Amino acid sequence: MRKVVQSHATEFALLAVIAIISIVLSIITDRFFSLGNASDLLNTSSVNIIFAVGLLVVLIAGGIDISFAVAASVVQYVVRSCSAGWAVEDGSAGS
């Protein structure tokens, strides 16, 4: 176990930081570990999660092609930049 921790010290340090932040936030707020918060987090991150899972499949299959992630990031940026002026109220898009 000690060899695993020493060989992956950075990953374990990041895991510890995430655990500490989660514990502190759960103590400070009462809605941090709620179903609504988890739903909002998954809803806002769904596109990035789909891209990450697709990239993971490509990496595991051995076709290491990171250009997909770069192209997806550029497309996200362009779409967000183009739609920055649009205000969505009552379900209709307008300027």
C-alpha atoms as a PDB file:
ATOM      1  CA  MET A   1       0.000   0.000   0.000  1.00  0.00           C
ATOM      2  CA  ARG A   2       2.847   2.358   0.825  1.00  0.00           C
ATOM      3  CA  LYS A   3       4.372   1.876  -2.660  1.00  0.00           C
ATOM      4  CA  VAL A   4       1.052   2.705  -4.289  1.00  0.00           C
ATOM      5  CA  VAL A   5       0.681   5.896  -2.262  1.00  0.00           C
ATOM      6  CA  GLN A   6       4.266   6.947  -2.948  1.00  0.00           C
ATOM      7  CA  SER A   7       4.047   6.240  -6.670  1.00  0.00           C
ATOM      8  CA  HIS A   8       0.770   8.161  -6.975  1.00  0.00           C
ATOM      9  CA  ALA A   9       1.418  10.916  -4.443  1.00  0.00           C
ATOM     10  CA  THR A  10      -0.061  13.674  -6.620  1.00  0.00           C
ATOM     11  CA  GLU A  11      -3.319  11.802  -7.164  1.00  0.00           C
ATOM     12  CA  PHE A  12      -3.687  11.058  -3.456  1.00  0.00           C
ATOM     13  CA  ALA A  13      -2.940  14.677  -2.579  1.00  0.00           C
ATOM     14  CA  LEU A  14      -5.665  15.843  -4.966  1.00  0.00           C
ATOM     15  CA  LEU A  15      -8.061  13.281  -3.514  1.00  0.00           C
ATOM     16  CA  ALA A  16      -7.293  14.551  -0.012  1.00  0.00           C
ATOM     17  CA  VAL A  17      -7.893  18.163  -1.055  1.00  0.00           C
ATOM     18  CA  ILE A  18     -11.224  17.240  -2.656  1.00  0.00           C
ATOM     19  CA  ALA A  19     -12.248  15.325   0.484  1.00  0.00           C
ATOM     20  CA  ILE A  20     -11.307  18.232   2.758  1.00  0.00           C
ATOM     21  CA  ILE A  21     -13.179  20.757   0.610  1.00  0.00           C
ATOM     22  CA  SER A  22     -16.240  18.467   0.522  1.00  0.00           C
ATOM     23  CA  ILE A  23     -16.227  18.037   4.289  1.00  0.00           C
ATOM     24  CA  VAL A  24     -15.840  21.771   4.930  1.00  0.00           C
ATOM     25  CA  LEU A  25     -18.603  22.673   2.472  1.00  0.00           C
ATOM     26  CA  SER A  26     -20.946  20.056   3.923  1.00  0.00           C
ATOM     27  CA  ILE A  27     -20.407  21.537   7.392  1.00  0.00           C
ATOM     28  CA  ILE A  28     -20.833  25.154   6.256  1.00  0.00           C
ATOM     29  CA  THR A  29     -23.920  24.666   4.067  1.00  0.00           C
ATOM     30  CA  ASP A  30     -26.864  22.375   4.554  1.00  0.00           C
ATOM     31  CA  ARG A  31     -27.544  21.878   0.837  1.00  0.00           C
ATOM     32  CA  PHE A  32     -24.104  20.758  -0.375  1.00  0.00           C
ATOM     33  CA  PHE A  33     -24.807  17.004  -0.254  1.00  0.00           C
ATOM     34  CA  SER A  34     -28.371  17.346  -1.520  1.00  0.00           C
ATOM     35  CA  LEU A  35     -30.061  15.710  -4.479  1.00  0.00           C
ATOM     36  CA  GLY A  36     -30.819  19.120  -6.001  1.00  0.00           C
ATOM     37  CA  ASN A  37     -27.158  20.138  -5.902  1.00  0.00           C
ATOM     38  CA  ALA A  38     -26.085  16.848  -7.498  1.00  0.00           C
ATOM     39  CA  SER A  39     -28.732  17.285 -10.197  1.00  0.00           C
ATOM     40  CA  ASP A  40     -27.578  20.844 -10.938  1.00  0.00           C
ATOM     41  CA  LEU A  41     -23.948  19.737 -11.064  1.00  0.00           C
ATOM     42  CA  LEU A  42     -24.701  16.912 -13.501  1.00  0.00           C
ATOM     43  CA  ASN A  43     -26.950  19.152 -15.589  1.00  0.00           C
ATOM     44  CA  THR A  44     -24.338  21.876 -16.038  1.00  0.00           C
ATOM     45  CA  SER A  45     -21.484  19.426 -16.632  1.00  0.00           C
ATOM     46  CA  SER A  46     -23.261  16.905 -18.860  1.00  0.00           C
ATOM     47  CA  VAL A  47     -21.629  17.953 -22.141  1.00  0.00           C
ATOM     48  CA  ASN A  48     -18.139  17.892 -20.623  1.00  0.00           C
ATOM     49  CA  ILE A  49     -18.862  14.500 -19.034  1.00  0.00           C
ATOM     50  CA  ILE A  50     -19.939  13.075 -22.410  1.00  0.00           C
ATOM     51  CA  PHE A  51     -16.771  14.421 -24.050  1.00  0.00           C
ATOM     52  CA  ALA A  52     -14.608  13.030 -21.231  1.00  0.00           C
ATOM     53  CA  VAL A  53     -16.171   9.568 -21.448  1.00  0.00           C
ATOM     54  CA  GLY A  54     -15.761   9.532 -25.233  1.00  0.00           C
ATOM     55  CA  LEU A  55     -12.131  10.580 -24.927  1.00  0.00           C
ATOM     56  CA  LEU A  56     -11.567   7.936 -22.257  1.00  0.00           C
ATOM     57  CA  VAL A  57     -12.871   5.250 -24.604  1.00  0.00           C
ATOM     58  CA  VAL A  58     -10.518   6.466 -27.354  1.00  0.00           C
ATOM     59  CA  LEU A  59      -7.548   6.478 -24.979  1.00  0.00           C
ATOM     60  CA  ILE A  60      -8.336   3.003 -23.599  1.00  0.00           C
ATOM     61  CA  ALA A  61      -8.760   1.609 -27.113  1.00  0.00           C
ATOM     62  CA  GLY A  62      -5.224   2.734 -27.899  1.00  0.00           C
ATOM     63  CA  GLY A  63      -6.044   5.362 -30.496  1.00  0.00           C
ATOM     64  CA  ILE A  64      -4.512   8.228 -28.550  1.00  0.00           C
ATOM     65  CA  ASP A  65      -6.076  11.184 -30.327  1.00  0.00           C
ATOM     66  CA  ILE A  66      -6.363  14.241 -28.119  1.00  0.00           C
ATOM     67  CA  SER A  67      -7.373  16.445 -31.080  1.00  0.00           C
ATOM     68  CA  PHE A  68     -11.028  15.518 -30.398  1.00  0.00           C
ATOM     69  CA  ALA A  69     -10.888  17.277 -27.034  1.00  0.00           C
ATOM     70  CA  VAL A  70      -9.289  20.353 -28.572  1.00  0.00           C
ATOM     71  CA  ALA A  71     -11.893  20.534 -31.346  1.00  0.00           C
ATOM     72  CA  ALA A  72     -14.741  20.057 -28.858  1.00  0.00           C
ATOM     73  CA  SER A  73     -13.373  22.820 -26.630  1.00  0.00           C
ATOM     74  CA  VAL A  74     -13.100  25.214 -29.578  1.00  0.00           C
ATOM     75  CA  VAL A  75     -16.670  24.445 -30.647  1.00  0.00           C
ATOM     76  CA  GLN A  76     -17.935  25.021 -27.087  1.00  0.00           C
ATOM     77  CA  TYR A  77     -16.121  28.357 -26.924  1.00  0.00           C
ATOM     78  CA  VAL A  78     -17.443  29.525 -30.299  1.00  0.00           C
ATOM     79  CA  VAL A  79     -21.038  28.537 -29.496  1.00  0.00           C
ATOM     80  CA  ARG A  80     -20.854  30.230 -26.107  1.00  0.00           C
ATOM     81  CA  SER A  81     -19.335  33.370 -27.634  1.00  0.00           C
ATOM     82  CA  CYS A  82     -22.011  33.531 -30.323  1.00  0.00           C
ATOM     83  CA  SER A  83     -24.857  32.991 -27.875  1.00  0.00           C
ATOM     84  CA  ALA A  84     -23.547  35.346 -25.174  1.00  0.00           C
ATOM     85  CA  GLY A  85     -25.926  38.135 -26.173  1.00  0.00           C
ATOM     86  CA  TRP A  86     -29.032  35.986 -26.255  1.00  0.00           C
ATOM     87  CA  ALA A  87     -31.325  36.226 -23.279  1.00  0.00           C
ATOM     88  CA  VAL A  88     -33.639  33.320 -22.649  1.00  0.00           C
ATOM     89  CA  GLU A  89     -36.811  34.345 -20.892  1.00  0.00           C
ATOM     90  CA  ASP A  90     -40.128  32.516 -20.850  1.00  0.00           C
ATOM     91  CA  GLY A  91     -38.704  29.827 -23.160  1.00  0.00           C
ATOM     92  CA  SER A  92     -38.066  32.006 -26.226  1.00  0.00           C
ATOM     93  CA  ALA A  93     -34.719  33.322 -27.448  1.00  0.00           C
ATOM     94  CA  GLY A  94     -34.333  36.980 -28.282  1.00  0.00           C
ATOM     95  CA  SER A  95     -31.789  39.763 -28.212  1.00  0.00           C
END
